[in-house]
Amino acid sequence: MDRTVHQDLFEVLPWLPKHSVDLIFADPPYNLSKHFNGWQFRERSLDEYTAWLRTWLPAMAEVLKPTGSIYICGDWRSAGAVQRAAEENFEIRNRITWEREKGRGALKNWKNSSEDIWYCTNSESHTFDAESVKLKKRVIAPYRDPATGSAKDWKDEADGRFRLTHPSNLWTDLTVPYWSMQENTDHPTQKPEKLLAKVILASSKEGDVVLDPFLGSGTTSVVAKKLGRHFIGVEIDESYCCLAERRLELAERDGEIQGYVGGVFWERNTVSEQKKHGKEIGGRLAFAEQ
């Protein structure tokens, strides 16, 4: 535990103890032809991609505890394959759609600005802490009780009026890492730390074990460490393993997760004291854009 494993996932699988992991975050290559630092993933038919998912998802079901949860990332092209392979091994609870506000526009199609995350469990008995992942949103039209004049479900704060809202399966408060953010790396498909914080806080407890079988630049391990969880990260590319190790080292000194402040998740672009003042990190000024 608490290590970055530089190895092919299919070589690691036989060594993972059964029923040892509380939470899995799986961000596999999407069904696209894409180069990852010299390694290529080839686009396949939907049936072929489903078959590829079946080569490792059953092993995830075995390593996951009976009370465990797994989140599987994908895009609209692979939605059918992910659903088919996931429901063969787990109980599908929901499909989360999150807004990826980055990217170029398309001239002959709608701009692709979203990705999916399939939330599944091994059984009916599982962890889900909704209180820990409430979203703090600015109140545009504050409602007051007509009789008393008191605020209803919102509070006045220094930066404005806010309310805490229950988490939904539509996430529009995330910022894809870019050059001025501390967490940004050269990995082409890096997930935001804030996204992982939502997953880890909702579906695990302090001291639990979190596994990422496609670790990439290390976001899952870094956030797990910042939130007091154990982690196992498997990554085939040595340079990405080095990125993960460097980020884990930085997490020793800075446990901040951008957009998660004061124990709550803030709506994107919400003003906070942290954003106003900024913070000097690693020799550059990185503003805590919410």
Protein backbone atom coordinates (compact mmCIF):
# COMPACT_ATOMS: atom_id res chain seq x y z
CA MET A 1 0.00 0.00 0.00
CA ASP A 2 0.87 3.69 -0.41
CA ARG A 3 3.03 2.97 -3.44
CA THR A 4 3.19 3.67 -7.14
CA VAL A 5 3.57 0.36 -8.96
CA HIS A 6 5.40 0.69 -12.29
CA GLN A 7 4.09 -2.37 -14.09
CA ASP A 8 1.58 -3.59 -16.65
CA LEU A 9 -1.80 -4.01 -14.94
CA PHE A 10 -2.21 -7.52 -16.33
CA GLU A 11 1.05 -8.56 -14.64
CA VAL A 12 -0.06 -7.01 -11.35
CA LEU A 13 -3.56 -8.48 -11.19
CA PRO A 14 -2.59 -11.96 -9.91
CA TRP A 15 -0.70 -10.36 -7.02
CA LEU A 16 -3.51 -8.16 -5.72
CA PRO A 17 -5.07 -9.74 -2.59
CA LYS A 18 -8.72 -10.59 -3.00
CA HIS A 19 -11.27 -8.44 -1.17
CA SER A 20 -8.57 -6.01 0.00
CA VAL A 21 -9.69 -2.71 -1.53
CA ASP A 22 -12.51 -0.39 -0.42
CA LEU A 23 -12.68 1.83 -3.50
CA ILE A 24 -11.47 1.61 -7.10
CA PHE A 25 -11.21 4.55 -9.47
CA ALA A 26 -10.65 3.24 -12.99
CA ASP A 27 -9.81 5.72 -15.76
CA PRO A 28 -8.87 3.36 -18.60
CA PRO A 29 -7.96 4.42 -22.15
CA TYR A 30 -11.14 5.52 -23.88
CA ASN A 31 -12.10 3.89 -27.16
CA LEU A 32 -10.02 6.33 -29.19
CA SER A 33 -6.78 6.04 -31.13
CA LYS A 34 -4.45 7.95 -28.85
CA HIS A 35 -0.74 8.12 -28.05
CA PHE A 36 0.36 8.11 -24.42
CA ASN A 37 4.03 9.06 -24.23
CA GLY A 38 5.05 6.59 -26.94
CA TRP A 39 2.43 3.96 -26.07
CA GLN A 40 -0.62 3.75 -28.37
CA PHE A 41 -4.19 2.65 -27.74
CA ARG A 42 -6.12 1.72 -30.88
CA GLU A 43 -9.79 2.53 -31.47
CA ARG A 44 -11.87 -0.64 -31.74
CA SER A 45 -15.43 -1.66 -32.50
CA LEU A 46 -17.84 -1.46 -29.57
CA ASP A 47 -17.78 -5.26 -29.23
CA GLU A 48 -13.97 -5.30 -29.24
CA TYR A 49 -13.79 -2.55 -26.63
CA THR A 50 -16.31 -4.45 -24.49
CA ALA A 51 -14.11 -7.55 -24.80
CA TRP A 52 -11.07 -5.52 -23.68
CA LEU A 53 -12.95 -4.22 -20.64
CA ARG A 54 -13.81 -7.84 -19.79
CA THR A 55 -10.10 -8.68 -19.58
CA TRP A 56 -9.65 -6.68 -16.35
CA LEU A 57 -13.03 -5.69 -14.85
CA PRO A 58 -13.76 -9.18 -13.38
CA ALA A 59 -10.44 -8.96 -11.53
CA MET A 60 -11.53 -5.60 -10.09
CA ALA A 61 -14.65 -7.28 -8.70
CA GLU A 62 -12.46 -9.86 -6.98
CA VAL A 63 -10.02 -7.40 -5.41
CA LEU A 64 -12.87 -5.14 -4.22
CA LYS A 65 -14.37 -5.82 -0.81
CA PRO A 66 -18.03 -6.95 -0.73
CA THR A 67 -18.82 -3.48 0.67
CA GLY A 68 -16.65 -1.70 -1.91
CA SER A 69 -17.40 0.71 -4.75
CA ILE A 70 -15.89 1.26 -8.18
CA TYR A 71 -16.06 4.28 -10.49
CA ILE A 72 -15.35 3.66 -14.19
CA CYS A 73 -14.61 6.56 -16.54
CA GLY A 74 -15.62 6.77 -20.18
CA ASP A 75 -17.01 9.00 -22.91
CA TRP A 76 -20.18 8.89 -24.99
CA ARG A 77 -18.61 6.64 -27.64
CA SER A 78 -17.87 3.88 -25.11
CA ALA A 79 -20.97 4.29 -22.91
CA GLY A 80 -22.65 1.14 -24.21
CA ALA A 81 -19.53 -0.98 -23.75
CA VAL A 82 -18.83 0.30 -20.23
CA GLN A 83 -22.42 -0.28 -19.14
CA ARG A 84 -22.47 -3.78 -20.59
CA ALA A 85 -19.18 -4.84 -18.99
CA ALA A 86 -19.91 -3.12 -15.68
CA GLU A 87 -23.33 -4.69 -15.16
CA GLU A 88 -21.80 -8.15 -15.70
CA ASN A 89 -19.58 -7.65 -12.63
CA PHE A 90 -21.19 -5.02 -10.38
CA GLU A 91 -24.43 -3.36 -9.40
CA ILE A 92 -24.65 -0.10 -11.35
CA ARG A 93 -25.85 2.71 -9.09
CA ASN A 94 -25.65 5.74 -11.33
CA ARG A 95 -23.96 7.41 -14.27
CA ILE A 96 -22.29 10.71 -13.44
CA THR A 97 -21.77 13.24 -16.20
CA TRP A 98 -19.17 15.93 -15.61
CA GLU A 99 -18.54 19.05 -17.64
CA ARG A 100 -15.09 19.32 -19.19
CA GLU A 101 -15.08 22.99 -20.13
CA LYS A 102 -11.80 22.78 -22.03
CA GLY A 103 -11.35 21.96 -25.71
CA ARG A 104 -11.83 23.38 -29.17
CA GLY A 105 -15.17 23.88 -30.85
CA ALA A 106 -16.36 21.73 -33.73
CA LEU A 107 -17.49 23.18 -37.07
CA LYS A 108 -19.74 20.29 -38.10
CA ASN A 109 -20.80 18.85 -34.76
CA TRP A 110 -21.65 19.82 -31.20
CA LYS A 111 -18.57 20.50 -29.09
CA ASN A 112 -17.80 17.50 -26.87
CA SER A 113 -17.74 19.01 -23.37
CA SER A 114 -18.64 16.13 -21.08
CA GLU A 115 -17.45 12.75 -19.86
CA ASP A 116 -19.14 9.97 -17.92
CA ILE A 117 -18.27 8.10 -14.75
CA TRP A 118 -20.17 4.91 -13.97
CA TYR A 119 -20.71 4.45 -10.24
CA CYS A 120 -21.03 0.79 -9.22
CA THR A 121 -20.86 -1.30 -6.06
CA ASN A 122 -20.24 -4.93 -5.17
CA SER A 123 -23.42 -5.19 -3.08
CA GLU A 124 -26.27 -3.29 -1.45
CA SER A 125 -24.04 -2.71 1.57
CA HIS A 126 -21.62 0.09 0.67
CA THR A 127 -20.35 3.47 1.82
CA PHE A 128 -21.94 6.66 0.52
CA ASP A 129 -21.47 9.85 2.56
CA ALA A 130 -23.64 12.51 0.92
CA GLU A 131 -22.94 15.05 3.67
CA SER A 132 -19.24 15.12 2.82
CA VAL A 133 -19.77 16.05 -0.83
CA LYS A 134 -22.33 18.84 -0.67
CA LEU A 135 -21.81 21.69 -3.10
CA LYS A 136 -21.65 25.30 -1.91
CA LYS A 137 -23.57 27.45 -4.40
CA ARG A 138 -24.22 31.16 -4.62
CA VAL A 139 -27.86 32.08 -4.07
CA ILE A 140 -29.14 34.20 -6.95
CA ALA A 141 -32.70 34.76 -5.72
CA PRO A 142 -32.64 34.36 -1.91
CA TYR A 143 -35.95 33.32 -0.39
CA ARG A 144 -37.03 34.51 3.05
CA ASP A 145 -39.82 33.19 5.24
CA PRO A 146 -42.75 35.61 4.72
CA ALA A 147 -43.75 35.42 8.39
CA THR A 148 -40.36 35.87 10.05
CA GLY A 149 -38.17 37.32 7.29
CA SER A 150 -35.49 34.76 8.09
CA ALA A 151 -33.32 33.16 5.40
CA LYS A 152 -34.52 29.78 4.15
CA ASP A 153 -31.78 27.21 3.46
CA TRP A 154 -29.06 29.83 2.86
CA LYS A 155 -26.66 32.01 4.82
CA ASP A 156 -25.15 35.47 4.49
CA GLU A 157 -21.35 35.30 4.33
CA ALA A 158 -18.55 37.79 3.68
CA ASP A 159 -18.41 36.86 -0.02
CA GLY A 160 -22.18 36.72 -0.55
CA ARG A 161 -25.17 34.48 0.04
CA PHE A 162 -24.66 30.72 -0.21
CA ARG A 163 -26.46 27.44 0.33
CA LEU A 164 -25.23 23.86 0.61
CA THR A 165 -26.90 21.57 -1.92
CA HIS A 166 -27.03 17.80 -2.10
CA PRO A 167 -24.76 16.13 -4.67
CA SER A 168 -26.26 15.14 -8.01
CA ASN A 169 -25.01 13.08 -10.95
CA LEU A 170 -24.35 16.25 -13.00
CA TRP A 171 -21.03 17.88 -12.06
CA THR A 172 -20.53 21.36 -13.49
CA ASP A 173 -18.15 22.72 -10.83
CA LEU A 174 -14.89 21.15 -12.05
CA THR A 175 -11.93 22.84 -13.72
CA VAL A 176 -9.70 20.77 -16.01
CA PRO A 177 -6.07 21.33 -14.89
CA TYR A 178 -4.29 24.06 -16.86
CA TRP A 179 -0.82 25.63 -16.83
CA SER A 180 -1.12 27.88 -13.75
CA MET A 181 -2.64 25.23 -11.48
CA GLN A 182 -0.32 23.44 -9.10
CA GLU A 183 -1.77 20.05 -9.96
CA ASN A 184 -1.24 20.43 -13.73
CA THR A 185 1.12 17.97 -15.47
CA ASP A 186 1.94 16.99 -19.05
CA HIS A 187 -0.43 14.02 -18.94
CA PRO A 188 -2.97 14.45 -21.79
CA THR A 189 -6.04 13.12 -19.95
CA GLN A 190 -5.41 14.19 -16.37
CA LYS A 191 -8.48 14.30 -14.09
CA PRO A 192 -8.94 17.21 -11.65
CA GLU A 193 -8.07 16.59 -8.00
CA LYS A 194 -11.47 18.02 -7.09
CA LEU A 195 -13.19 15.24 -9.08
CA LEU A 196 -11.27 12.56 -7.18
CA ALA A 197 -12.00 14.28 -3.88
CA LYS A 198 -15.73 13.94 -4.55
CA VAL A 199 -15.38 10.24 -5.32
CA ILE A 200 -13.08 9.43 -2.40
CA LEU A 201 -15.04 11.39 0.23
CA ALA A 202 -18.38 9.95 -0.89
CA SER A 203 -17.36 6.30 -1.19
CA SER A 204 -14.63 5.68 1.39
CA LYS A 205 -13.65 6.43 4.97
CA GLU A 206 -10.38 7.57 6.50
CA GLY A 207 -7.93 4.67 6.55
CA ASP A 208 -9.65 2.85 3.67
CA VAL A 209 -7.68 1.55 0.67
CA VAL A 210 -8.13 3.17 -2.75
CA LEU A 211 -6.88 1.47 -5.93
CA ASP A 212 -6.28 3.09 -9.32
CA PRO A 213 -5.37 0.49 -11.97
CA PHE A 214 -4.58 3.18 -14.60
CA LEU A 215 -2.88 5.77 -12.41
CA GLY A 216 -1.53 8.14 -15.07
CA SER A 217 -0.02 11.21 -13.41
CA GLY A 218 -1.10 10.11 -9.93
CA THR A 219 -4.20 12.17 -9.16
CA THR A 220 -6.02 9.35 -7.34
CA SER A 221 -3.06 8.54 -5.10
CA VAL A 222 -2.36 12.19 -4.35
CA VAL A 223 -5.95 12.97 -3.34
CA ALA A 224 -6.22 9.75 -1.33
CA LYS A 225 -3.11 10.78 0.58
CA LYS A 226 -4.42 14.30 1.19
CA LEU A 227 -7.69 12.88 2.53
CA GLY A 228 -6.17 10.28 4.85
CA ARG A 229 -6.72 7.16 2.77
CA HIS A 230 -4.26 4.44 1.77
CA PHE A 231 -3.61 4.08 -1.95
CA ILE A 232 -2.30 1.68 -4.59
CA GLY A 233 -1.53 3.13 -8.01
CA VAL A 234 -0.61 0.97 -11.02
CA GLU A 235 0.92 2.68 -14.06
CA ILE A 236 2.73 1.15 -17.04
CA ASP A 237 4.61 4.31 -18.10
CA GLU A 238 7.74 5.14 -16.11
CA SER A 239 7.64 8.90 -16.74
CA TYR A 240 4.05 9.14 -15.48
CA CYS A 241 5.09 7.14 -12.40
CA CYS A 242 7.76 9.78 -11.79
CA LEU A 243 5.13 12.52 -12.09
CA ALA A 244 2.99 10.70 -9.53
CA GLU A 245 5.91 10.31 -7.13
CA ARG A 246 6.78 13.99 -7.43
CA ARG A 247 3.19 15.01 -6.73
CA LEU A 248 3.04 12.69 -3.72
CA GLU A 249 6.18 14.37 -2.43
CA LEU A 250 4.60 17.81 -2.87
CA ALA A 251 1.48 16.60 -1.04
CA GLU A 252 3.62 16.15 2.07
CA ARG A 253 3.94 19.94 2.24
CA ASP A 254 0.64 21.07 0.75
CA GLY A 255 -2.62 19.19 1.33
CA GLU A 256 -4.80 21.73 -0.49
CA ILE A 257 -7.36 20.55 -3.05
CA GLN A 258 -8.41 23.33 -5.35
CA GLY A 259 -12.13 24.02 -5.15
CA TYR A 260 -12.52 22.08 -1.87
CA VAL A 261 -12.21 24.66 0.90
CA GLY A 262 -13.46 24.65 4.46
CA GLY A 263 -14.77 21.09 4.20
CA VAL A 264 -17.12 21.87 1.31
CA PHE A 265 -17.00 21.88 -2.48
CA TRP A 266 -17.40 25.32 -4.03
CA GLU A 267 -19.21 26.07 -7.25
CA ARG A 268 -16.79 26.92 -10.08
CA ASN A 269 -15.67 30.57 -10.19
CA THR A 270 -17.15 31.33 -6.76
CA VAL A 271 -15.22 34.06 -4.97
CA SER A 272 -13.56 33.01 -1.72
CA GLU A 273 -10.88 34.44 0.51
CA GLN A 274 -8.46 31.88 -0.90
CA LYS A 275 -9.10 33.06 -4.45
CA LYS A 276 -8.78 36.73 -3.55
CA HIS A 277 -5.34 36.42 -2.04
CA GLY A 278 -3.85 33.68 -4.21
CA LYS A 279 -1.00 31.48 -3.11
CA GLU A 280 2.65 31.15 -4.04
CA ILE A 281 3.32 27.55 -4.96
CA GLY A 282 6.47 26.15 -6.50
CA GLY A 283 7.75 29.54 -7.62
CA ARG A 284 4.59 30.62 -9.42
CA LEU A 285 1.34 32.26 -8.40
CA ALA A 286 -1.55 29.83 -8.60
CA PHE A 287 -4.95 31.29 -7.82
CA ALA A 288 -7.48 29.02 -6.17
CA GLU A 289 -10.11 29.37 -8.88
CA GLN A 290 -13.19 27.66 -7.56
